[in-house]
Amino acid sequence: MEDKRAKFLRVFANVPESIRADDIIVVVDSKPFTWNAAMIEVKNDSSLGRKIIDKLVLVGII
């Protein structure tokens, strides 16, 4: 999981700030998440953050 988390952090760092707050990148449990919202969950290492990472891997974003 740590490898996926590191990939997410690298991709996030390269996303322009103007996109981070507005663009929805994933929907988990019927809830949409922007880059910023996803980052909060991933940084907190929550179960939701792990689901977000798994979905992003599944769709090929990370």
N, C-alpha and C. Protein backbone atom coordinates (compact mmCIF):
# COMPACT_ATOMS: atom_id res chain seq x y z
N MET A 1 0.83 -1.20 0.00
CA MET A 1 0.00 0.00 0.00
C MET A 1 0.87 1.26 0.00
N GLU A 2 2.00 1.19 0.67
CA GLU A 2 2.86 2.38 0.77
C GLU A 2 3.35 2.82 -0.60
N ASP A 3 3.60 1.86 -1.50
CA ASP A 3 4.04 2.20 -2.84
C ASP A 3 2.95 2.97 -3.58
N LYS A 4 1.72 2.53 -3.46
CA LYS A 4 0.59 3.22 -4.10
C LYS A 4 0.43 4.62 -3.50
N ARG A 5 0.59 4.70 -2.20
CA ARG A 5 0.46 6.00 -1.52
C ARG A 5 1.54 6.96 -2.01
N ALA A 6 2.75 6.47 -2.16
CA ALA A 6 3.85 7.30 -2.65
C ALA A 6 3.58 7.76 -4.08
N LYS A 7 3.04 6.89 -4.90
CA LYS A 7 2.68 7.27 -6.28
C LYS A 7 1.62 8.36 -6.26
N PHE A 8 0.62 8.21 -5.39
CA PHE A 8 -0.43 9.22 -5.30
C PHE A 8 0.19 10.57 -4.94
N LEU A 9 1.07 10.58 -3.97
CA LEU A 9 1.69 11.83 -3.53
C LEU A 9 2.51 12.48 -4.64
N ARG A 10 3.20 11.66 -5.43
CA ARG A 10 3.98 12.20 -6.56
C ARG A 10 3.06 12.79 -7.63
N VAL A 11 1.99 12.08 -7.94
CA VAL A 11 1.05 12.59 -8.95
C VAL A 11 0.39 13.87 -8.44
N PHE A 12 -0.03 13.88 -7.19
CA PHE A 12 -0.67 15.06 -6.60
C PHE A 12 0.24 16.27 -6.70
N ALA A 13 1.51 16.09 -6.43
CA ALA A 13 2.47 17.20 -6.46
C ALA A 13 2.57 17.82 -7.85
N ASN A 14 2.26 17.05 -8.89
CA ASN A 14 2.37 17.54 -10.26
C ASN A 14 1.05 18.08 -10.82
N VAL A 15 -0.02 17.99 -10.05
CA VAL A 15 -1.31 18.51 -10.50
C VAL A 15 -1.36 20.01 -10.20
N PRO A 16 -1.70 20.83 -11.20
CA PRO A 16 -1.78 22.27 -10.95
C PRO A 16 -2.81 22.61 -9.86
N GLU A 17 -2.47 23.59 -9.04
CA GLU A 17 -3.36 23.96 -7.93
C GLU A 17 -4.75 24.36 -8.40
N SER A 18 -4.86 24.95 -9.57
CA SER A 18 -6.16 25.37 -10.08
C SER A 18 -7.09 24.18 -10.34
N ILE A 19 -6.51 23.02 -10.53
CA ILE A 19 -7.31 21.81 -10.79
C ILE A 19 -7.63 21.06 -9.50
N ARG A 20 -6.76 21.14 -8.52
CA ARG A 20 -6.91 20.34 -7.30
C ARG A 20 -8.23 20.55 -6.57
N ALA A 21 -8.72 21.76 -6.50
CA ALA A 21 -9.90 22.05 -5.70
C ALA A 21 -11.21 21.81 -6.44
N ASP A 22 -11.17 21.83 -7.77
CA ASP A 22 -12.42 21.81 -8.52
C ASP A 22 -12.73 20.50 -9.23
N ASP A 23 -11.72 19.82 -9.73
CA ASP A 23 -11.95 18.62 -10.54
C ASP A 23 -12.15 17.39 -9.68
N ILE A 24 -13.25 16.71 -9.91
CA ILE A 24 -13.54 15.45 -9.21
C ILE A 24 -12.74 14.36 -9.91
N ILE A 25 -11.98 13.62 -9.12
CA ILE A 25 -11.13 12.58 -9.70
C ILE A 25 -11.63 11.17 -9.45
N VAL A 26 -12.45 11.01 -8.42
CA VAL A 26 -12.91 9.66 -8.09
C VAL A 26 -14.22 9.75 -7.30
N VAL A 27 -15.04 8.71 -7.45
CA VAL A 27 -16.27 8.59 -6.65
C VAL A 27 -16.15 7.30 -5.86
N VAL A 28 -16.24 7.43 -4.54
CA VAL A 28 -16.15 6.27 -3.65
C VAL A 28 -17.37 6.29 -2.75
N ASP A 29 -18.06 5.17 -2.67
CA ASP A 29 -19.27 5.06 -1.85
C ASP A 29 -20.26 6.16 -2.19
N SER A 30 -20.43 6.43 -3.48
CA SER A 30 -21.38 7.42 -4.01
C SER A 30 -21.03 8.85 -3.63
N LYS A 31 -19.80 9.11 -3.19
CA LYS A 31 -19.37 10.45 -2.83
C LYS A 31 -18.22 10.87 -3.75
N PRO A 32 -18.33 12.07 -4.35
CA PRO A 32 -17.25 12.54 -5.22
C PRO A 32 -16.10 13.16 -4.41
N PHE A 33 -14.87 12.97 -4.90
CA PHE A 33 -13.70 13.51 -4.23
C PHE A 33 -12.83 14.27 -5.22
N THR A 34 -12.44 15.47 -4.82
CA THR A 34 -11.47 16.25 -5.60
C THR A 34 -10.07 15.81 -5.19
N TRP A 35 -9.06 16.34 -5.89
CA TRP A 35 -7.69 16.04 -5.50
C TRP A 35 -7.43 16.43 -4.05
N ASN A 36 -7.88 17.62 -3.65
CA ASN A 36 -7.63 18.09 -2.28
C ASN A 36 -8.30 17.21 -1.23
N ALA A 37 -9.55 16.83 -1.50
CA ALA A 37 -10.27 15.97 -0.54
C ALA A 37 -9.62 14.60 -0.46
N ALA A 38 -9.19 14.09 -1.61
CA ALA A 38 -8.50 12.79 -1.63
C ALA A 38 -7.20 12.88 -0.84
N MET A 39 -6.48 13.98 -1.00
CA MET A 39 -5.20 14.15 -0.30
C MET A 39 -5.40 14.12 1.21
N ILE A 40 -6.44 14.74 1.70
CA ILE A 40 -6.71 14.74 3.15
C ILE A 40 -6.90 13.31 3.64
N GLU A 41 -7.69 12.54 2.92
CA GLU A 41 -7.95 11.16 3.34
C GLU A 41 -6.68 10.30 3.25
N VAL A 42 -5.91 10.51 2.20
CA VAL A 42 -4.68 9.72 2.03
C VAL A 42 -3.66 10.10 3.10
N LYS A 43 -3.51 11.39 3.39
CA LYS A 43 -2.57 11.82 4.43
C LYS A 43 -2.94 11.25 5.79
N ASN A 44 -4.23 11.16 6.07
CA ASN A 44 -4.69 10.63 7.35
C ASN A 44 -4.65 9.10 7.39
N ASP A 45 -4.31 8.49 6.27
CA ASP A 45 -4.22 7.03 6.16
C ASP A 45 -5.51 6.36 6.63
N SER A 46 -6.63 6.95 6.24
CA SER A 46 -7.93 6.40 6.62
C SER A 46 -8.32 5.26 5.69
N SER A 47 -9.33 4.49 6.09
CA SER A 47 -9.81 3.41 5.22
C SER A 47 -10.38 4.00 3.93
N LEU A 48 -10.98 5.17 4.02
CA LEU A 48 -11.49 5.85 2.84
C LEU A 48 -10.32 6.26 1.93
N GLY A 49 -9.24 6.72 2.50
CA GLY A 49 -8.06 7.06 1.72
C GLY A 49 -7.51 5.87 0.96
N ARG A 50 -7.53 4.71 1.60
CA ARG A 50 -7.06 3.49 0.94
C ARG A 50 -7.99 3.10 -0.20
N LYS A 51 -9.30 3.28 0.00
CA LYS A 51 -10.27 3.01 -1.08
C LYS A 51 -10.04 3.96 -2.26
N ILE A 52 -9.78 5.22 -1.95
CA ILE A 52 -9.53 6.22 -2.99
C ILE A 52 -8.31 5.81 -3.82
N ILE A 53 -7.24 5.44 -3.15
CA ILE A 53 -6.03 5.02 -3.85
C ILE A 53 -6.31 3.80 -4.72
N ASP A 54 -7.02 2.82 -4.18
CA ASP A 54 -7.33 1.61 -4.95
C ASP A 54 -8.12 1.95 -6.21
N LYS A 55 -9.09 2.86 -6.10
CA LYS A 55 -9.88 3.26 -7.27
C LYS A 55 -9.02 3.98 -8.29
N LEU A 56 -8.13 4.85 -7.82
CA LEU A 56 -7.26 5.60 -8.73
C LEU A 56 -6.30 4.67 -9.47
N VAL A 57 -5.86 3.61 -8.80
CA VAL A 57 -5.01 2.61 -9.45
C VAL A 57 -5.85 1.86 -10.49
N LEU A 58 -7.06 1.50 -10.12
CA LEU A 58 -7.95 0.76 -11.01
C LEU A 58 -8.22 1.49 -12.32
N VAL A 59 -8.43 2.80 -12.24
CA VAL A 59 -8.73 3.58 -13.45
C VAL A 59 -7.47 4.10 -14.15
N GLY A 60 -6.30 3.85 -13.56
CA GLY A 60 -5.05 4.19 -14.20
C GLY A 60 -4.54 5.61 -13.97
N ILE A 61 -5.08 6.29 -12.98
CA ILE A 61 -4.60 7.64 -12.68
C ILE A 61 -3.26 7.57 -11.95
N ILE A 62 -3.11 6.57 -11.11
CA ILE A 62 -1.81 6.36 -10.45
C ILE A 62 -1.36 4.93 -10.67
